[in-house]
Structures are given as structure tokens and as C-alpha cells.
C-alpha atoms as a PDB file:
ATOM      1  CA  MET A   1     -20.889  -7.200  51.413  1.00  0.00           C
ATOM      2  CA  TRP A   2     -17.279  -8.237  51.491  1.00  0.00           C
ATOM      3  CA  CYS A   3     -16.606 -10.992  53.998  1.00  0.00           C
ATOM      4  CA  ASN A   4     -13.733 -10.721  56.486  1.00  0.00           C
ATOM      5  CA  HIS A   5     -10.848 -12.215  54.512  1.00  0.00           C
ATOM      6  CA  GLN A   6     -11.884 -10.515  51.276  1.00  0.00           C
ATOM      7  CA  LEU A   7     -12.167  -7.096  52.893  1.00  0.00           C
ATOM      8  CA  GLY A   8      -8.842  -7.826  54.586  1.00  0.00           C
ATOM      9  CA  ASP A   9      -7.302  -8.256  51.123  1.00  0.00           C
ATOM     10  CA  LEU A  10      -8.761  -4.917  50.051  1.00  0.00           C
ATOM     11  CA  VAL A  11      -7.442  -3.193  53.172  1.00  0.00           C
ATOM     12  CA  GLU A  12      -4.015  -4.784  52.658  1.00  0.00           C
ATOM     13  CA  HIS A  13      -3.898  -3.396  49.117  1.00  0.00           C
ATOM     14  CA  ALA A  14      -5.644  -0.105  49.949  1.00  0.00           C
ATOM     15  CA  HIS A  15      -2.734   2.109  48.943  1.00  0.00           C
ATOM     16  CA  ALA A  16      -2.269   0.406  45.567  1.00  0.00           C
ATOM     17  CA  LEU A  17      -5.998   0.650  44.900  1.00  0.00           C
ATOM     18  CA  GLN A  18      -6.487   4.209  46.131  1.00  0.00           C
ATOM     19  CA  THR A  19      -3.591   5.629  44.122  1.00  0.00           C
ATOM     20  CA  ARG A  20      -5.395   4.498  40.962  1.00  0.00           C
ATOM     21  CA  ALA A  21      -9.090   4.619  41.834  1.00  0.00           C
ATOM     22  CA  THR A  22     -11.691   5.840  44.277  1.00  0.00           C
ATOM     23  CA  VAL A  23     -13.020   2.857  46.205  1.00  0.00           C
ATOM     24  CA  TRP A  24     -16.617   2.846  47.367  1.00  0.00           C
ATOM     25  CA  ILE A  25     -18.270  -0.080  49.062  1.00  0.00           C
ATOM     26  CA  VAL A  26     -22.056  -0.165  48.817  1.00  0.00           C
ATOM     27  CA  ASN A  27     -23.506  -2.035  51.755  1.00  0.00           C
ATOM     28  CA  PRO A  28     -27.159  -3.163  51.779  1.00  0.00           C
ATOM     29  CA  GLN A  29     -27.458  -2.564  55.521  1.00  0.00           C
ATOM     30  CA  ASP A  30     -28.315   0.334  57.807  1.00  0.00           C
ATOM     31  CA  THR A  31     -25.897   3.099  58.767  1.00  0.00           C
ATOM     32  CA  ALA A  32     -25.067   1.720  62.232  1.00  0.00           C
ATOM     33  CA  SER A  33     -24.317  -1.794  60.925  1.00  0.00           C
ATOM     34  CA  THR A  34     -22.210  -0.381  58.116  1.00  0.00           C
ATOM     35  CA  ALA A  35     -20.222   1.829  60.517  1.00  0.00           C
ATOM     36  CA  ARG A  36     -19.539  -1.123  62.832  1.00  0.00           C
ATOM     37  CA  PHE A  37     -18.440  -3.277  59.893  1.00  0.00           C
ATOM     38  CA  LYS A  38     -16.087  -0.568  58.612  1.00  0.00           C
ATOM     39  CA  GLU A  39     -14.622   0.213  62.035  1.00  0.00           C
ATOM     40  CA  LYS A  40     -14.093  -3.418  63.012  1.00  0.00           C
ATOM     41  CA  ARG A  41     -12.060  -4.024  59.875  1.00  0.00           C
ATOM     42  CA  ALA A  42     -10.270  -0.651  59.847  1.00  0.00           C
ATOM     43  CA  ALA A  43     -11.264  -0.210  56.227  1.00  0.00           C
ATOM     44  CA  PRO A  44     -10.051   3.132  54.804  1.00  0.00           C
ATOM     45  CA  PHE A  45     -12.685   3.183  52.069  1.00  0.00           C
ATOM     46  CA  THR A  46     -15.902   5.131  51.679  1.00  0.00           C
ATOM     47  CA  PHE A  47     -18.883   2.976  52.621  1.00  0.00           C
ATOM     48  CA  LEU A  48     -22.291   3.860  51.223  1.00  0.00           C
ATOM     49  CA  CYS A  49     -25.445   2.481  52.840  1.00  0.00           C
ATOM     50  CA  ASP A  50     -28.131   1.135  50.552  1.00  0.00           C
ATOM     51  CA  GLU A  51     -30.552  -0.056  53.224  1.00  0.00           C
ATOM     52  CA  ASP A  52     -33.594   0.421  50.965  1.00  0.00           C
ATOM     53  CA  LEU A  53     -31.769  -1.323  48.078  1.00  0.00           C
ATOM     54  CA  ASN A  54     -32.258   1.681  45.781  1.00  0.00           C
ATOM     55  CA  VAL A  55     -28.859   1.310  44.100  1.00  0.00           C
ATOM     56  CA  ILE A  56     -29.144  -2.457  43.911  1.00  0.00           C
ATOM     57  CA  ASN A  57     -32.587  -2.213  42.322  1.00  0.00           C
ATOM     58  CA  GLN A  58     -31.480   0.573  39.955  1.00  0.00           C
ATOM     59  CA  TYR A  59     -28.691  -1.601  38.576  1.00  0.00           C
ATOM     60  CA  GLY A  60     -30.708  -4.837  38.740  1.00  0.00           C
ATOM     61  CA  ILE A  61     -27.963  -6.634  40.645  1.00  0.00           C
ATOM     62  CA  TYR A  62     -30.169  -8.809  42.803  1.00  0.00           C
ATOM     63  CA  HIS A  63     -31.611 -12.284  42.722  1.00  0.00           C
ATOM     64  CA  MET A  64     -34.276 -14.143  44.613  1.00  0.00           C
ATOM     65  CA  GLN A  65     -32.420 -16.686  46.707  1.00  0.00           C
ATOM     66  CA  HIS A  66     -35.069 -17.082  49.354  1.00  0.00           C
ATOM     67  CA  GLU A  67     -38.527 -15.597  48.914  1.00  0.00           C
ATOM     68  CA  GLU A  68     -38.823 -14.792  52.619  1.00  0.00           C
ATOM     69  CA  HIS A  69     -35.751 -12.524  52.410  1.00  0.00           C
ATOM     70  CA  GLY A  70     -36.794 -10.619  49.306  1.00  0.00           C
ATOM     71  CA  HIS A  71     -34.142  -9.238  46.973  1.00  0.00           C
ATOM     72  CA  ILE A  72     -30.624 -10.319  47.827  1.00  0.00           C
ATOM     73  CA  PRO A  73     -27.897  -8.389  45.998  1.00  0.00           C
ATOM     74  CA  TYR A  74     -25.356 -10.173  43.877  1.00  0.00           C
ATOM     75  CA  PRO A  75     -21.802  -9.346  44.871  1.00  0.00           C
ATOM     76  CA  VAL A  76     -20.636  -6.999  42.124  1.00  0.00           C
ATOM     77  CA  THR A  77     -17.457  -5.043  41.528  1.00  0.00           C
ATOM     78  CA  PHE A  78     -17.393  -2.255  38.931  1.00  0.00           C
ATOM     79  CA  LEU A  79     -14.563  -0.146  37.598  1.00  0.00           C
ATOM     80  CA  ILE A  80     -16.194   3.026  36.318  1.00  0.00           C
ATOM     81  CA  LYS A  81     -14.306   5.505  34.171  1.00  0.00           C
ATOM     82  CA  PRO A  82     -14.471   9.250  34.892  1.00  0.00           C
ATOM     83  CA  ASP A  83     -17.015   9.609  32.065  1.00  0.00           C
ATOM     84  CA  GLY A  84     -19.379   7.260  33.938  1.00  0.00           C
ATOM     85  CA  THR A  85     -19.043   4.228  31.673  1.00  0.00           C
ATOM     86  CA  VAL A  86     -18.338   0.803  33.115  1.00  0.00           C
ATOM     87  CA  ALA A  87     -14.830  -0.266  32.113  1.00  0.00           C
ATOM     88  CA  TRP A  88     -14.781  -3.620  33.918  1.00  0.00           C
ATOM     89  CA  GLN A  89     -17.097  -5.623  36.119  1.00  0.00           C
ATOM     90  CA  PHE A  90     -17.169  -8.766  38.182  1.00  0.00           C
ATOM     91  CA  LEU A  91     -20.526 -10.382  38.895  1.00  0.00           C
ATOM     92  CA  GLY A  92     -20.510 -13.014  41.615  1.00  0.00           C
ATOM     93  CA  LEU A  93     -23.155 -15.704  41.532  1.00  0.00           C
ATOM     94  CA  LYS A  94     -22.906 -16.701  45.185  1.00  0.00           C
ATOM     95  CA  PRO A  95     -22.913 -14.478  48.288  1.00  0.00           C
ATOM     96  CA  ARG A  96     -19.172 -14.909  48.882  1.00  0.00           C
ATOM     97  CA  ASP A  97     -18.013 -14.488  45.264  1.00  0.00           C
ATOM     98  CA  ARG A  98     -15.616 -11.566  44.949  1.00  0.00           C
ATOM     99  CA  PRO A  99     -12.804 -10.822  42.525  1.00  0.00           C
ATOM    100  CA  LYS A 100      -9.251 -11.245  43.666  1.00  0.00           C
ATOM    101  CA  VAL A 101      -7.592  -7.920  44.394  1.00  0.00           C
ATOM    102  CA  GLN A 102      -4.877  -8.780  41.880  1.00  0.00           C
ATOM    103  CA  ASP A 103      -7.572  -9.119  39.189  1.00  0.00           C
ATOM    104  CA  VAL A 104      -8.908  -5.662  40.054  1.00  0.00           C
ATOM    105  CA  LEU A 105      -5.391  -4.199  39.941  1.00  0.00           C
ATOM    106  CA  GLN A 106      -4.777  -5.852  36.551  1.00  0.00           C
ATOM    107  CA  ALA A 107      -8.035  -4.403  35.231  1.00  0.00           C
ATOM    108  CA  LEU A 108      -6.970  -0.955  36.467  1.00  0.00           C
ATOM    109  CA  ASP A 109      -3.612  -1.370  34.708  1.00  0.00           C
ATOM    110  CA  ALA A 110      -5.433  -2.178  31.465  1.00  0.00           C
ATOM    111  CA  LEU A 111      -7.435   1.075  31.515  1.00  0.00           C
END
């Protein structure tokens, strides 16, 4: 999940991002929590709930930080081309690791 200041950066650059890409945020929480998170931050992006961690498990983007919590997803950002191939990715190693929006925009420019 994007933390407050990081999601704020995405929202601030929403127009620049959305004119070049479709932005989806996959949230490993339930629908109600995801809706509250989106509304509170006025995020204009599509949020997808992955409460059962199906997407996270499918892509193997989880690690075992604490056994009592089970799988915890790595923070990951993908740029996926229209043909479905991954053109660029950022894999964070800590819960708050996220790419800078400028890095995402540069990656989009390079496509």
C-alpha cells in the first residue's frame, strides 16, 4: 500500500501519469478499507482489492516478515505494455519503499 506522502505524490502527478498510462493500485485489504483509503486521499486511480492475496501470490511478490502475519506483500510497481509484458518494475524491500514519481515518469518516457 502506498503511504500518505507517497500516494500524495501520485495524486499530485495524476494527470501526467494518466495521460500516459492506466494506473491501478492493488491493495491487500478488504473492499471497505480500500474505499476509505482511496476516499480519504482523493486518489483518482482505480483501486483493486486483493484481500485473499491472490494477485500477490500469483506474482510471488511477498516475503515472510513476521510468521504470525503470514505473507506480507513487497511494495512493487510495474509498467506493463499493452501486449502484457513487463517493461519496467520497482521492487521495494521494505514496507515503505516506493519509486519516486519522477522515476516512473522517466520510465514511461523511455517506452
